[in-house]
Amino acid sequence: MRAYDVIKKKRDGFELSFEELNFIVKGAVSGEIKDYQISAFLMAVYFNGMTERETLDFTLAIANSGEKFIAKGITGVKADKHSTGGVGDKTSLIISPVLASLGVFAIKMSGRGLGHTGGTVDKLESIKGYKVELSTDEFLKIAKKCGVSIIGQTGDLAPADKIFYSLRDVTATIDSIPLIASSIMGKKLTADDDVIVLDVKTGNGAFMKDLSSAEDLAKVMVNIGKGAGKKITALITDMNEPLGNYVGNALEIKEVLDVLAGKVKNDLYDVSKMLTAEILYLSGYGDREFCKALFDKEIENGKALCKFKEFVAYQGGDLTEILSGNYCASKSFDVLASESGFLIELNAEKVGISSLLLGAGRNKKEDKIDYLAGIILHKKVGDKVEKGEKLATLYSSNESLFSSAIKEFLQAVKILGDKLQIKSKIIKTIE
């Protein structure tokens, strides 16, 4: 078999066999197939797409291109929630301890943020001493003890995806649903999960800007999961404004603690509840309404908060500073409303970029993060505002960063006289 023949076949619009797709994946990892040939293959897929069967086979080949993470010794239900990325999205840190407090194992490998979206690992690293790098044995030991453990992604899982992704990034082939789906699910299927719930974001702050594309991606990923024998559902959620009221790293940990303590019941609480209920439903805990009630109960009885503190401590984390109020930078700037009315827009992407400009994110993988930088949103879409009232407070350790961040934030805000009807953040469920 030659790479040339496989590329030509896909270029001409024919369906590739599992053997041909596996040949491309193995050749990419071994280095036998060169970058320029892989790039040509990716472009052929970009223009001609993949059938449902091809997409599943390609994803399985990617998942099997390196090590598999097997949760040895864990006999209960193992579940994972994956988000396609957004601003202020810290649902994993709420969902995981709730699941663990109910007996579902939430053992998760998460990524770092890049651009205007945040990463779960960055948020956890804002906790003093928290270890995101653990050996497999340490990882499983913590998971067995408390039911939840979250670490960074290891380099040995799905190595083919790293090769394909780096080439997609420079060959204008990012926006291909089969390639996006195989990248996400290829990594998901390296883990030994029984249940997977996908949070597919749509809106200005999401990767998939329009609802139709988000639905298409969700359907493809659900089909892949089912084809791989997983219990899987996708929820399409709104990302036209940030999720929750805190954007940053230590700031978001503070909001997680407030939600788990039952102090805050906002859109972050609602989305976390829906995603958790879906996982519990697929895990056989009862119907969706009963599972929503279980989420509320674990928050109200304090068990979820205890579980969060427990797993953080197991991974070396010390929450003392954040709990004592040290979760934001010493320098701040209040953004005030220029007029009275109702907040009808709070553009998630622009808020995310503003947070990035304050130092809370990175443009390049090697950029350093200011863990105390970020934004507290005092108003969300639909809220009434008075002229001169605080819309948000921006935080940074570097005062020189405020000017550009403020300018970006102001572009995110729109105030009008008429109140906007607030819609649910959960747009659709793809089963």
Protein backbone atom coordinates (compact mmCIF):
# COMPACT_ATOMS: atom_id res chain seq x y z
CA MET A 1 0.00 0.00 0.00
CA ARG A 2 1.27 3.49 -0.87
CA ALA A 3 0.33 6.84 0.67
CA TYR A 4 0.04 8.20 -2.88
CA ASP A 5 -2.75 5.76 -3.74
CA VAL A 6 -4.71 6.44 -0.54
CA ILE A 7 -4.45 10.21 -1.05
CA LYS A 8 -5.54 9.90 -4.70
CA LYS A 9 -8.51 7.71 -3.77
CA LYS A 10 -9.78 10.21 -1.20
CA ARG A 11 -9.02 13.13 -3.52
CA ASP A 12 -11.27 11.52 -6.13
CA GLY A 13 -14.13 11.17 -3.64
CA PHE A 14 -14.00 7.44 -2.90
CA GLU A 15 -14.54 5.85 0.51
CA LEU A 16 -11.42 4.58 2.26
CA SER A 17 -11.24 1.22 4.04
CA PHE A 18 -10.20 0.80 7.67
CA GLU A 19 -6.92 -0.70 6.44
CA GLU A 20 -6.18 2.39 4.34
CA LEU A 21 -7.05 4.81 7.14
CA ASN A 22 -5.03 2.82 9.65
CA PHE A 23 -2.11 2.82 7.18
CA ILE A 24 -2.17 6.65 7.10
CA VAL A 25 -2.37 6.92 10.90
CA LYS A 26 0.41 4.40 11.56
CA GLY A 27 2.59 5.94 8.86
CA ALA A 28 2.16 9.41 10.37
CA VAL A 29 3.25 8.19 13.82
CA SER A 30 6.21 6.15 12.53
CA GLY A 31 7.38 8.96 10.25
CA GLU A 32 7.19 6.74 7.15
CA ILE A 33 4.54 9.03 5.67
CA LYS A 34 5.90 12.55 5.31
CA ASP A 35 4.27 15.79 6.43
CA TYR A 36 3.55 16.92 2.87
CA GLN A 37 1.66 13.67 2.17
CA ILE A 38 -0.31 13.90 5.43
CA SER A 39 -1.17 17.50 4.53
CA ALA A 40 -2.42 16.37 1.13
CA PHE A 41 -4.54 13.68 2.79
CA LEU A 42 -6.04 16.21 5.21
CA MET A 43 -6.89 18.57 2.36
CA ALA A 44 -8.58 15.73 0.46
CA VAL A 45 -10.70 14.99 3.55
CA TYR A 46 -11.45 18.69 3.96
CA PHE A 47 -12.94 18.90 0.46
CA ASN A 48 -14.58 15.46 0.20
CA GLY A 49 -15.48 14.72 3.82
CA MET A 50 -15.82 11.25 5.32
CA THR A 51 -18.70 8.82 5.62
CA GLU A 52 -19.96 7.83 9.08
CA ARG A 53 -18.07 4.55 8.84
CA GLU A 54 -14.85 6.25 7.67
CA THR A 55 -15.02 8.77 10.51
CA LEU A 56 -15.45 6.01 13.10
CA ASP A 57 -12.60 3.94 11.64
CA PHE A 58 -10.29 6.97 11.43
CA THR A 59 -11.11 7.90 15.04
CA LEU A 60 -10.45 4.36 16.30
CA ALA A 61 -7.13 4.31 14.45
CA ILE A 62 -6.15 7.58 16.14
CA ALA A 63 -7.26 6.29 19.56
CA ASN A 64 -5.16 3.15 19.06
CA SER A 65 -2.07 5.01 17.80
CA GLY A 66 -0.48 5.12 21.27
CA GLU A 67 -1.06 3.98 24.82
CA LYS A 68 -4.55 3.36 26.19
CA PHE A 69 -5.50 4.46 29.68
CA ILE A 70 -7.08 1.49 31.44
CA ALA A 71 -8.58 2.15 34.89
CA LYS A 72 -7.39 -1.10 36.45
CA GLY A 73 -9.02 -2.03 39.73
CA ILE A 74 -11.92 0.40 39.33
CA THR A 75 -15.11 -1.61 38.97
CA GLY A 76 -17.78 1.10 39.17
CA VAL A 77 -19.15 3.30 36.39
CA LYS A 78 -16.48 5.55 34.88
CA ALA A 79 -17.72 8.75 33.28
CA ASP A 80 -16.31 11.82 31.55
CA LYS A 81 -17.65 15.15 30.37
CA HIS A 82 -15.94 16.91 27.48
CA SER A 83 -16.49 20.51 26.46
CA THR A 84 -15.54 21.95 23.08
CA GLY A 85 -14.30 25.04 24.93
CA GLY A 86 -15.67 28.36 26.05
CA VAL A 87 -15.22 31.39 28.30
CA GLY A 88 -15.76 30.92 32.03
CA ASP A 89 -16.45 27.22 31.49
CA LYS A 90 -15.45 25.46 34.70
CA THR A 91 -18.22 22.86 34.75
CA SER A 92 -15.81 19.89 34.98
CA LEU A 93 -14.67 21.11 38.40
CA ILE A 94 -18.27 21.09 39.63
CA ILE A 95 -19.50 17.96 37.86
CA SER A 96 -16.60 15.69 38.86
CA PRO A 97 -16.93 16.00 42.66
CA VAL A 98 -20.73 15.71 42.45
CA LEU A 99 -20.40 12.47 40.47
CA ALA A 100 -17.77 11.10 42.85
CA SER A 101 -19.95 11.87 45.87
CA LEU A 102 -22.66 9.73 44.23
CA GLY A 103 -20.34 6.81 43.45
CA VAL A 104 -19.53 7.49 39.78
CA PHE A 105 -15.79 7.59 39.06
CA ALA A 106 -14.75 10.87 37.44
CA ILE A 107 -11.15 10.37 36.36
CA LYS A 108 -10.20 12.93 33.79
CA MET A 109 -7.33 14.13 31.66
CA SER A 110 -7.77 17.78 30.73
CA GLY A 111 -5.97 20.32 28.58
CA ARG A 112 -4.60 23.84 28.90
CA GLY A 113 -6.20 26.94 27.46
CA LEU A 114 -5.07 28.68 24.29
CA GLY A 115 -6.44 31.93 22.93
CA HIS A 116 -9.65 33.32 24.42
CA THR A 117 -10.81 30.00 25.95
CA GLY A 118 -9.58 28.74 29.32
CA GLY A 119 -8.26 25.29 30.22
CA THR A 120 -9.18 23.14 33.22
CA VAL A 121 -5.52 22.36 33.94
CA ASP A 122 -4.65 26.08 34.11
CA LYS A 123 -7.45 26.67 36.61
CA LEU A 124 -6.24 23.80 38.81
CA GLU A 125 -2.65 25.02 38.64
CA SER A 126 -3.81 28.30 40.18
CA ILE A 127 -4.27 26.27 43.39
CA LYS A 128 -1.02 26.31 45.36
CA GLY A 129 0.77 22.95 45.16
CA TYR A 130 -1.75 21.19 42.91
CA LYS A 131 -0.01 18.49 40.84
CA VAL A 132 -1.33 18.11 37.29
CA GLU A 133 1.35 15.57 36.37
CA LEU A 134 1.04 12.20 38.07
CA SER A 135 2.13 8.68 37.19
CA THR A 136 -0.63 6.32 36.11
CA ASP A 137 -0.33 4.47 39.43
CA GLU A 138 -0.65 7.70 41.44
CA PHE A 139 -3.57 8.81 39.29
CA LEU A 140 -5.46 5.55 39.82
CA LYS A 141 -4.61 5.42 43.52
CA ILE A 142 -6.25 8.82 44.08
CA ALA A 143 -9.22 7.87 41.90
CA LYS A 144 -9.81 4.69 43.92
CA LYS A 145 -9.59 6.57 47.22
CA CYS A 146 -11.91 9.49 46.48
CA GLY A 147 -13.56 8.77 43.12
CA VAL A 148 -12.15 11.77 41.29
CA SER A 149 -8.77 12.80 39.90
CA ILE A 150 -7.92 15.36 37.21
CA ILE A 151 -4.52 15.62 35.55
CA GLY A 152 -3.02 17.03 32.35
CA GLN A 153 -3.01 15.05 29.13
CA THR A 154 0.00 12.77 28.68
CA GLY A 155 2.11 12.72 25.55
CA ASP A 156 1.67 8.99 24.96
CA LEU A 157 -2.09 9.08 24.36
CA ALA A 158 -3.27 9.38 20.73
CA PRO A 159 0.08 10.65 19.34
CA ALA A 160 -1.38 10.63 15.81
CA ASP A 161 -3.80 13.38 16.81
CA LYS A 162 -0.94 15.70 17.75
CA ILE A 163 0.61 15.21 14.30
CA PHE A 164 -2.65 15.74 12.42
CA TYR A 165 -3.67 18.72 14.55
CA SER A 166 -0.36 20.56 14.11
CA LEU A 167 -0.62 20.15 10.34
CA ARG A 168 -4.31 21.13 10.22
CA ASP A 169 -3.37 24.31 12.05
CA VAL A 170 -1.00 25.42 9.26
CA THR A 171 -2.79 24.01 6.20
CA ALA A 172 -6.21 25.70 6.65
CA THR A 173 -7.94 22.35 7.31
CA ILE A 174 -9.11 23.05 10.87
CA ASP A 175 -12.76 23.58 9.89
CA SER A 176 -13.61 20.03 8.89
CA ILE A 177 -16.21 18.23 11.00
CA PRO A 178 -14.79 14.70 10.44
CA LEU A 179 -11.32 15.95 11.38
CA ILE A 180 -12.60 17.90 14.42
CA ALA A 181 -14.71 14.96 15.60
CA SER A 182 -11.93 12.40 15.15
CA SER A 183 -9.50 14.65 17.02
CA ILE A 184 -11.81 15.11 20.03
CA MET A 185 -13.13 11.55 20.15
CA GLY A 186 -9.77 9.99 19.32
CA LYS A 187 -8.47 11.36 22.62
CA LYS A 188 -11.67 10.52 24.51
CA LEU A 189 -11.58 6.87 23.37
CA THR A 190 -8.08 6.35 24.78
CA ALA A 191 -9.70 6.31 28.23
CA ASP A 192 -11.61 3.47 29.83
CA ASP A 193 -14.89 5.38 30.23
CA ASP A 194 -18.32 3.78 30.21
CA VAL A 195 -20.25 7.04 29.83
CA ILE A 196 -19.35 10.18 27.89
CA VAL A 197 -21.37 13.40 27.83
CA LEU A 198 -20.30 16.08 25.37
CA ASP A 199 -20.88 19.79 25.91
CA VAL A 200 -20.81 21.23 22.38
CA LYS A 201 -20.69 25.01 22.61
CA THR A 202 -22.16 27.32 19.99
CA GLY A 203 -22.06 31.12 19.72
CA ASN A 204 -19.53 33.93 19.41
CA GLY A 205 -17.30 32.54 22.19
CA ALA A 206 -17.33 28.97 20.85
CA PHE A 207 -15.32 27.13 18.23
CA MET A 208 -18.55 26.35 16.36
CA LYS A 209 -20.09 29.78 15.86
CA ASP A 210 -23.40 28.72 14.33
CA LEU A 211 -25.98 26.25 15.65
CA SER A 212 -26.14 24.16 12.47
CA SER A 213 -22.39 23.40 12.58
CA ALA A 214 -22.58 22.61 16.29
CA GLU A 215 -25.43 20.15 15.66
CA ASP A 216 -23.52 18.48 12.82
CA LEU A 217 -20.42 18.09 15.01
CA ALA A 218 -22.45 16.77 17.95
CA LYS A 219 -24.20 14.16 15.79
CA VAL A 220 -20.92 12.92 14.31
CA MET A 221 -19.27 12.61 17.74
CA VAL A 222 -22.28 10.83 19.24
CA ASN A 223 -22.24 8.36 16.34
CA ILE A 224 -18.53 7.74 16.92
CA GLY A 225 -19.11 7.12 20.62
CA LYS A 226 -21.97 4.72 19.96
CA GLY A 227 -19.92 2.92 17.32
CA ALA A 228 -17.19 2.47 19.93
CA GLY A 229 -19.68 0.97 22.40
CA LYS A 230 -20.01 3.95 24.74
CA LYS A 231 -23.13 5.37 26.36
CA ILE A 232 -23.01 8.90 25.00
CA THR A 233 -25.07 12.06 24.65
CA ALA A 234 -24.24 15.58 23.48
CA LEU A 235 -25.77 18.75 24.88
CA ILE A 236 -25.52 21.83 22.69
CA THR A 237 -25.08 24.85 24.96
CA ASP A 238 -25.02 28.60 24.40
CA MET A 239 -21.67 30.41 24.49
CA ASN A 240 -22.73 33.89 23.37
CA GLU A 241 -21.86 35.20 26.85
CA PRO A 242 -19.41 33.82 29.43
CA LEU A 243 -20.58 30.98 31.65
CA GLY A 244 -20.80 32.13 35.24
CA ASN A 245 -19.65 35.47 36.64
CA TYR A 246 -15.90 34.86 37.02
CA VAL A 247 -13.39 34.60 34.17
CA GLY A 248 -9.77 33.80 34.96
CA ASN A 249 -8.03 30.97 36.79
CA ALA A 250 -7.98 31.45 40.58
CA LEU A 251 -11.13 33.53 40.10
CA GLU A 252 -12.90 30.56 38.53
CA ILE A 253 -11.77 28.25 41.34
CA LYS A 254 -13.39 30.74 43.74
CA GLU A 255 -16.65 30.52 41.77
CA VAL A 256 -16.48 26.71 41.75
CA LEU A 257 -16.16 26.75 45.54
CA ASP A 258 -19.12 29.14 45.82
CA VAL A 259 -21.31 26.94 43.60
CA LEU A 260 -20.36 23.76 45.46
CA ALA A 261 -21.05 25.55 48.76
CA GLY A 262 -24.55 26.41 47.55
CA LYS A 263 -23.84 30.17 47.69
CA VAL A 264 -24.34 30.74 43.96
CA LYS A 265 -27.09 29.46 41.66
CA ASN A 266 -26.44 31.05 38.27
CA ASP A 267 -26.13 29.84 34.68
CA LEU A 268 -22.96 27.95 35.65
CA TYR A 269 -24.96 26.03 38.26
CA ASP A 270 -27.74 25.29 35.75
CA VAL A 271 -25.45 23.98 32.98
CA SER A 272 -23.43 21.91 35.47
CA LYS A 273 -26.66 20.38 36.77
CA MET A 274 -27.92 19.46 33.30
CA LEU A 275 -24.61 17.85 32.29
CA THR A 276 -24.33 15.96 35.58
CA ALA A 277 -27.93 14.74 35.32
CA GLU A 278 -27.25 13.44 31.81
CA ILE A 279 -24.24 11.46 33.05
CA LEU A 280 -26.23 10.05 35.99
CA TYR A 281 -29.12 9.17 33.66
CA LEU A 282 -26.80 7.27 31.30
CA SER A 283 -25.22 5.61 34.36
CA GLY A 284 -28.58 4.16 35.38
CA TYR A 285 -29.37 6.37 38.38
CA GLY A 286 -32.93 7.16 37.27
CA ASP A 287 -34.77 9.48 34.91
CA ARG A 288 -33.39 12.93 34.10
CA GLU A 289 -35.61 14.81 36.56
CA PHE A 290 -34.59 12.50 39.41
CA CYS A 291 -30.93 12.94 38.45
CA LYS A 292 -31.28 16.73 38.52
CA ALA A 293 -32.65 16.43 42.05
CA LEU A 294 -29.63 14.29 42.99
CA PHE A 295 -27.32 17.10 41.85
CA ASP A 296 -29.19 19.63 44.01
CA LYS A 297 -29.06 17.26 46.97
CA GLU A 298 -25.27 16.74 46.78
CA ILE A 299 -24.78 20.51 46.74
CA GLU A 300 -27.21 21.12 49.60
CA ASN A 301 -25.79 18.43 51.88
CA GLY A 302 -22.23 19.65 51.38
CA LYS A 303 -20.88 16.31 50.11
CA ALA A 304 -19.80 17.66 46.69
CA LEU A 305 -17.79 20.50 48.29
CA CYS A 306 -16.11 18.05 50.66
CA LYS A 307 -15.25 15.81 47.71
CA PHE A 308 -13.71 18.74 45.80
CA LYS A 309 -11.53 19.68 48.77
CA GLU A 310 -10.61 16.01 49.25
CA PHE A 311 -9.38 15.36 45.72
CA VAL A 312 -7.51 18.70 45.58
CA ALA A 313 -5.70 17.77 48.80
CA TYR A 314 -4.85 14.31 47.47
CA GLN A 315 -3.14 16.00 44.50
CA GLY A 316 -1.10 18.29 46.73
CA GLY A 317 -3.33 21.33 46.43
CA ASP A 318 -3.79 23.87 49.23
CA LEU A 319 -6.95 25.98 48.97
CA THR A 320 -6.10 28.18 51.98
CA GLU A 321 -5.13 31.26 49.95
CA ILE A 322 -8.18 31.17 47.71
CA LEU A 323 -10.52 30.50 50.65
CA SER A 324 -8.97 33.44 52.53
CA GLY A 325 -9.68 35.83 49.64
CA ASN A 326 -6.43 35.73 47.67
CA TYR A 327 -7.95 34.80 44.30
CA CYS A 328 -7.51 38.03 42.32
CA ALA A 329 -4.64 40.39 41.51
CA SER A 330 -4.01 43.50 43.63
CA LYS A 331 -4.50 45.92 40.72
CA SER A 332 -8.06 46.39 39.45
CA PHE A 333 -10.27 48.57 37.28
CA ASP A 334 -14.05 48.94 37.47
CA VAL A 335 -15.90 49.17 34.16
CA LEU A 336 -18.96 51.41 34.62
CA ALA A 337 -22.15 51.55 32.57
CA SER A 338 -22.21 54.56 30.25
CA GLU A 339 -26.03 54.59 30.19
CA SER A 340 -29.07 53.11 31.89
CA GLY A 341 -31.11 50.26 30.45
CA PHE A 342 -30.77 46.50 30.14
CA LEU A 343 -27.64 44.54 29.26
CA ILE A 344 -28.60 42.80 26.02
CA GLU A 345 -25.15 41.59 24.92
CA LEU A 346 -21.98 40.45 26.68
CA ASN A 347 -19.90 39.00 23.87
CA ALA A 348 -18.13 35.91 25.22
CA GLU A 349 -15.24 36.00 22.75
CA LYS A 350 -14.43 39.65 23.50
CA VAL A 351 -14.66 39.08 27.26
CA GLY A 352 -12.32 36.11 26.83
CA ILE A 353 -9.87 38.20 24.82
CA SER A 354 -10.04 40.95 27.45
CA SER A 355 -9.14 38.38 30.13
CA LEU A 356 -6.32 37.14 27.91
CA LEU A 357 -4.99 40.69 27.54
CA LEU A 358 -4.97 41.04 31.34
CA GLY A 359 -2.59 38.06 31.49
CA ALA A 360 -5.07 35.29 32.37
CA GLY A 361 -4.49 33.34 29.15
CA ARG A 362 -1.90 32.61 26.51
CA ASN A 363 -1.55 33.34 22.80
CA LYS A 364 1.27 30.81 22.42
CA LYS A 365 1.74 27.54 24.29
CA GLU A 366 4.92 28.82 25.94
CA ASP A 367 3.32 32.01 27.33
CA LYS A 368 3.21 32.35 31.11
CA ILE A 369 -0.11 32.93 32.88
CA ASP A 370 -0.95 35.41 35.62
CA TYR A 371 -3.14 33.10 37.70
CA LEU A 372 -4.69 36.02 39.62
CA ALA A 373 -5.69 37.98 36.51
CA GLY A 374 -9.21 37.95 35.14
CA ILE A 375 -12.66 39.51 35.30
CA ILE A 376 -15.60 39.50 37.71
CA LEU A 377 -18.86 40.16 35.88
CA HIS A 378 -21.29 42.08 38.09
CA LYS A 379 -23.98 42.05 35.40
CA LYS A 380 -25.09 39.38 32.95
CA VAL A 381 -27.35 39.52 29.89
CA GLY A 382 -30.88 40.52 30.85
CA ASP A 383 -29.86 42.47 33.97
CA LYS A 384 -31.04 46.05 34.53
CA VAL A 385 -28.20 48.57 34.79
CA GLU A 386 -28.02 52.19 35.89
CA LYS A 387 -25.62 54.72 34.45
CA GLY A 388 -22.40 54.68 36.49
CA GLU A 389 -23.11 51.22 37.93
CA LYS A 390 -20.34 48.58 37.89
CA LEU A 391 -20.59 46.18 34.95
CA ALA A 392 -17.36 44.34 35.71
CA THR A 393 -14.08 44.52 37.60
CA LEU A 394 -10.88 43.72 35.71
CA TYR A 395 -7.82 42.36 37.56
CA SER A 396 -4.16 42.13 36.57
CA SER A 397 -0.76 42.13 38.26
CA ASN A 398 0.52 44.37 35.46
CA GLU A 399 -1.11 47.81 35.36
CA SER A 400 0.10 48.49 31.81
CA LEU A 401 -2.21 45.76 30.48
CA PHE A 402 -5.44 47.49 31.51
CA SER A 403 -5.73 49.93 28.59
CA SER A 404 -6.08 47.34 25.81
CA ALA A 405 -8.14 44.98 28.00
CA ILE A 406 -10.64 47.72 28.90
CA LYS A 407 -11.02 48.72 25.25
CA GLU A 408 -11.74 45.09 24.30
CA PHE A 409 -14.20 44.61 27.15
CA LEU A 410 -16.19 47.72 26.23
CA GLN A 411 -16.69 46.29 22.73
CA ALA A 412 -18.33 43.22 24.33
CA VAL A 413 -21.07 45.25 26.01
CA LYS A 414 -24.36 46.47 24.58
CA ILE A 415 -27.06 48.24 26.62
CA LEU A 416 -30.56 49.07 25.36
CA GLY A 417 -33.79 50.31 26.87
CA ASP A 418 -35.81 47.15 26.29
CA LYS A 419 -35.35 44.01 28.37
CA LEU A 420 -34.22 40.89 26.53
CA GLN A 421 -36.01 37.58 27.02
CA ILE A 422 -33.53 35.16 28.60
CA LYS A 423 -33.34 31.72 27.03
CA SER A 424 -31.98 28.51 28.51
CA LYS A 425 -28.27 27.84 28.01
CA ILE A 426 -29.19 24.29 27.00
CA ILE A 427 -30.24 24.56 23.37
CA LYS A 428 -30.60 20.95 22.31
CA THR A 429 -29.83 17.35 23.32
CA ILE A 430 -28.38 14.95 20.75
CA GLU A 431 -28.93 11.35 21.81
